[in-house]
Amino acid sequence: MSSKYGAILNTVFVTMFYGMCLPLLFPVAAFTFFNYYITEKLLVTYYFQRPPMYDEKMNAYALQMMRWAPIFFLFFGYWAMGNKQIFENEVKPLAYSEAPVNTGHVGWPYTGPDLPIFIVAWIYLFALIFETLWNVCLVKCKIADPPEADEVDEKLGNYWECVASSYRKKWLAEEVYNTNTLNIKTMGD
């Protein structure tokens, strides 16, 4: 389950990184998400005997991480739109082949197609930082409750007690063999 969340986050962030330069990535990402959706529905319906028992924490964390994807889209979009070689056809000749290429692309925007993206990127970044700090201040001032972890006590024993006795015998025999024959010890006494 966690690898699927990783694949989804990877698709989102790669699309947001390079989406302004390669707009074809957006339909590719939409097809990828549709494919994940259909595959998971079919697997849950016909393949898995029981759905995996996970709580909402992984989903909440993935959604929290995806809030930062537009920042990458906006700042990399600003970088791509501010390239003078593409939009203004301004190419500076090289004096020597080993000299660095001077593109005329600077960090501060000029009045071109990159200026609105630059402004929106900073507004969005400040809004995310302000929201995070606001939530921390509300918790510190005891106006809001801190997010608490659910305490689950299922009255289970340790791992060794929960495993079936046939598996315990098999693992113990394997450990004795590895210790005596191969001098490999993986369990404590």
Protein backbone atom coordinates (compact mmCIF):
# COMPACT_ATOMS: atom_id res chain seq x y z
CA MET A 1 0.00 0.00 0.00
CA SER A 2 2.78 2.44 0.84
CA SER A 3 4.50 1.76 -2.49
CA LYS A 4 1.29 2.77 -4.29
CA TYR A 5 1.18 6.04 -2.37
CA GLY A 6 4.83 6.54 -3.35
CA ALA A 7 4.00 5.94 -7.02
CA ILE A 8 1.11 8.42 -6.86
CA LEU A 9 3.26 11.06 -5.15
CA ASN A 10 6.01 10.45 -7.70
CA THR A 11 3.56 10.98 -10.57
CA VAL A 12 2.18 14.16 -9.01
CA PHE A 13 5.56 15.74 -8.30
CA VAL A 14 7.17 14.80 -11.63
CA THR A 15 4.13 16.21 -13.43
CA MET A 16 4.29 19.40 -11.40
CA PHE A 17 8.06 19.77 -11.87
CA TYR A 18 8.06 19.47 -15.64
CA GLY A 19 4.42 20.21 -16.53
CA MET A 20 5.03 23.79 -17.66
CA CYS A 21 7.77 22.67 -20.05
CA LEU A 22 6.03 19.47 -21.15
CA PRO A 23 2.24 20.00 -21.07
CA LEU A 24 1.77 16.46 -22.39
CA LEU A 25 2.56 15.26 -18.86
CA PHE A 26 -0.87 16.33 -17.60
CA PRO A 27 -2.87 13.89 -19.79
CA VAL A 28 -0.26 11.21 -19.09
CA ALA A 29 -0.70 11.77 -15.34
CA ALA A 30 -4.50 11.71 -15.72
CA PHE A 31 -4.25 8.38 -17.56
CA THR A 32 -1.89 7.07 -14.87
CA PHE A 33 -4.32 8.00 -12.08
CA PHE A 34 -7.22 6.46 -14.02
CA ASN A 35 -5.16 3.30 -14.47
CA TYR A 36 -4.33 3.17 -10.73
CA TYR A 37 -8.01 3.68 -9.89
CA ILE A 38 -9.30 0.91 -12.19
CA THR A 39 -6.54 -1.50 -11.16
CA GLU A 40 -7.16 -0.98 -7.45
CA LYS A 41 -10.91 -1.39 -7.87
CA LEU A 42 -10.42 -4.66 -9.73
CA LEU A 43 -7.85 -5.94 -7.25
CA VAL A 44 -10.03 -5.13 -4.24
CA THR A 45 -13.07 -6.66 -5.92
CA TYR A 46 -11.64 -9.85 -7.40
CA TYR A 47 -8.15 -10.56 -6.05
CA PHE A 48 -7.69 -9.55 -2.44
CA GLN A 49 -9.46 -11.75 0.08
CA ARG A 50 -9.52 -8.99 2.65
CA PRO A 51 -8.65 -5.36 2.05
CA PRO A 52 -5.45 -4.23 3.73
CA MET A 53 -6.02 -2.89 7.23
CA TYR A 54 -4.61 0.61 7.22
CA ASP A 55 -5.88 3.70 8.95
CA GLU A 56 -6.26 7.16 7.45
CA LYS A 57 -2.79 8.39 8.47
CA MET A 58 -1.06 7.42 5.24
CA ASN A 59 -3.77 9.08 3.19
CA ALA A 60 -3.66 12.24 5.30
CA TYR A 61 0.13 12.39 5.00
CA ALA A 62 -0.02 11.94 1.20
CA LEU A 63 -2.59 14.73 0.91
CA GLN A 64 -0.45 16.94 3.14
CA MET A 65 2.58 16.31 0.91
CA MET A 66 0.57 17.06 -2.25
CA ARG A 67 -0.15 20.57 -0.97
CA TRP A 68 3.48 21.42 -1.80
CA ALA A 69 3.28 20.20 -5.42
CA PRO A 70 1.87 23.51 -6.78
CA ILE A 71 4.89 25.33 -5.31
CA PHE A 72 7.15 23.24 -7.53
CA PHE A 73 4.85 23.79 -10.51
CA LEU A 74 4.85 27.56 -10.02
CA PHE A 75 8.56 28.04 -9.35
CA PHE A 76 9.71 25.68 -12.12
CA GLY A 77 7.09 27.27 -14.39
CA TYR A 78 8.58 30.67 -13.58
CA TRP A 79 12.01 29.32 -14.44
CA ALA A 80 10.77 27.87 -17.74
CA MET A 81 8.75 30.94 -18.79
CA GLY A 82 11.62 33.28 -17.95
CA ASN A 83 13.95 31.66 -20.47
CA LYS A 84 14.76 34.44 -22.94
CA GLN A 85 16.14 32.02 -25.52
CA ILE A 86 12.69 30.48 -26.00
CA PHE A 87 10.31 33.44 -25.84
CA GLU A 88 12.38 36.39 -27.06
CA ASN A 89 14.73 34.52 -29.41
CA GLU A 90 17.67 36.14 -27.66
CA VAL A 91 20.79 34.01 -27.96
CA LYS A 92 24.19 35.27 -26.86
CA PRO A 93 27.11 33.84 -28.84
CA LEU A 94 29.85 31.81 -27.19
CA ALA A 95 33.35 33.26 -27.29
CA TYR A 96 35.02 29.97 -26.30
CA SER A 97 33.65 26.44 -26.35
CA GLU A 98 34.51 25.85 -22.68
CA ALA A 99 32.89 29.08 -21.47
CA PRO A 100 29.56 28.75 -19.63
CA VAL A 101 26.45 29.47 -21.64
CA ASN A 102 24.98 32.89 -20.83
CA THR A 103 21.23 32.62 -21.30
CA GLY A 104 20.35 36.00 -19.83
CA HIS A 105 18.00 34.23 -17.44
CA VAL A 106 18.17 35.84 -14.00
CA GLY A 107 16.53 35.05 -10.68
CA TRP A 108 14.41 38.20 -10.53
CA PRO A 109 11.47 38.46 -12.97
CA TYR A 110 11.15 41.03 -15.69
CA THR A 111 7.89 42.15 -17.25
CA GLY A 112 7.34 39.08 -19.32
CA PRO A 113 5.29 35.91 -19.21
CA ASP A 114 7.03 34.79 -16.04
CA LEU A 115 6.01 37.73 -13.80
CA PRO A 116 2.45 36.52 -12.94
CA ILE A 117 3.74 33.02 -12.19
CA PHE A 118 6.43 34.49 -9.92
CA ILE A 119 3.88 36.56 -7.98
CA VAL A 120 1.40 33.69 -7.59
CA ALA A 121 4.19 31.34 -6.50
CA TRP A 122 5.26 33.63 -3.67
CA ILE A 123 1.67 34.28 -2.57
CA TYR A 124 0.97 30.54 -2.45
CA LEU A 125 4.22 29.83 -0.58
CA PHE A 126 3.48 32.51 2.02
CA ALA A 127 -0.09 31.19 2.39
CA LEU A 128 1.18 27.66 3.09
CA ILE A 129 3.76 28.88 5.58
CA PHE A 130 1.22 31.17 7.27
CA GLU A 131 -1.30 28.34 7.56
CA THR A 132 1.30 26.06 9.16
CA LEU A 133 2.43 28.72 11.61
CA TRP A 134 -1.16 29.68 12.39
CA ASN A 135 -2.03 26.09 13.32
CA VAL A 136 1.07 25.85 15.52
CA CYS A 137 0.17 29.13 17.27
CA LEU A 138 -3.40 27.97 17.87
CA VAL A 139 -2.10 24.81 19.54
CA LYS A 140 0.47 26.75 21.61
CA CYS A 141 -2.20 29.22 22.81
CA LYS A 142 -4.45 26.25 23.68
CA ILE A 143 -7.18 27.50 21.36
CA ALA A 144 -7.04 24.34 19.24
CA ASP A 145 -6.36 20.79 20.31
CA PRO A 146 -3.12 19.19 19.12
CA PRO A 147 -3.48 16.29 16.73
CA GLU A 148 -3.37 13.18 18.88
CA ALA A 149 -2.42 9.71 17.89
CA ASP A 150 -5.10 7.11 18.42
CA GLU A 151 -4.24 4.72 21.21
CA VAL A 152 -5.03 1.19 20.16
CA ASP A 153 -4.68 -1.64 22.66
CA GLU A 154 -5.91 -4.92 21.25
CA LYS A 155 -4.69 -6.94 24.24
CA LEU A 156 -2.37 -8.99 22.04
CA GLY A 157 0.75 -10.69 23.23
CA ASN A 158 4.17 -10.20 21.73
CA TYR A 159 4.96 -11.32 18.20
CA TRP A 160 6.22 -14.78 19.21
CA GLU A 161 3.02 -15.52 21.13
CA CYS A 162 0.78 -14.44 18.23
CA VAL A 163 2.45 -16.68 15.63
CA ALA A 164 1.04 -20.16 15.11
CA SER A 165 2.93 -22.95 16.89
CA SER A 166 3.86 -24.71 13.62
CA TYR A 167 5.67 -21.59 12.42
CA ARG A 168 7.38 -21.16 15.79
CA LYS A 169 8.72 -24.74 15.65
CA LYS A 170 9.91 -24.26 12.07
CA TRP A 171 11.69 -20.97 12.87
CA LEU A 172 13.26 -22.40 16.02
CA ALA A 173 14.58 -25.44 14.09
CA GLU A 174 15.95 -23.14 11.40
CA GLU A 175 17.64 -20.93 14.01
CA VAL A 176 19.22 -23.94 15.74
CA TYR A 177 20.51 -25.25 12.40
CA ASN A 178 21.90 -21.84 11.40
CA THR A 179 23.56 -21.36 14.79
CA ASN A 180 25.14 -24.83 15.05
CA THR A 181 26.03 -25.52 11.43
CA LEU A 182 26.61 -22.14 9.83
CA ASN A 183 27.56 -20.05 12.89
CA ILE A 184 24.83 -17.55 12.03
CA LYS A 185 22.83 -16.26 14.96
CA THR A 186 19.81 -14.10 14.20
CA MET A 187 17.84 -14.44 17.46
CA GLY A 188 18.79 -13.80 21.03
CA ASP A 189 18.84 -16.52 23.69
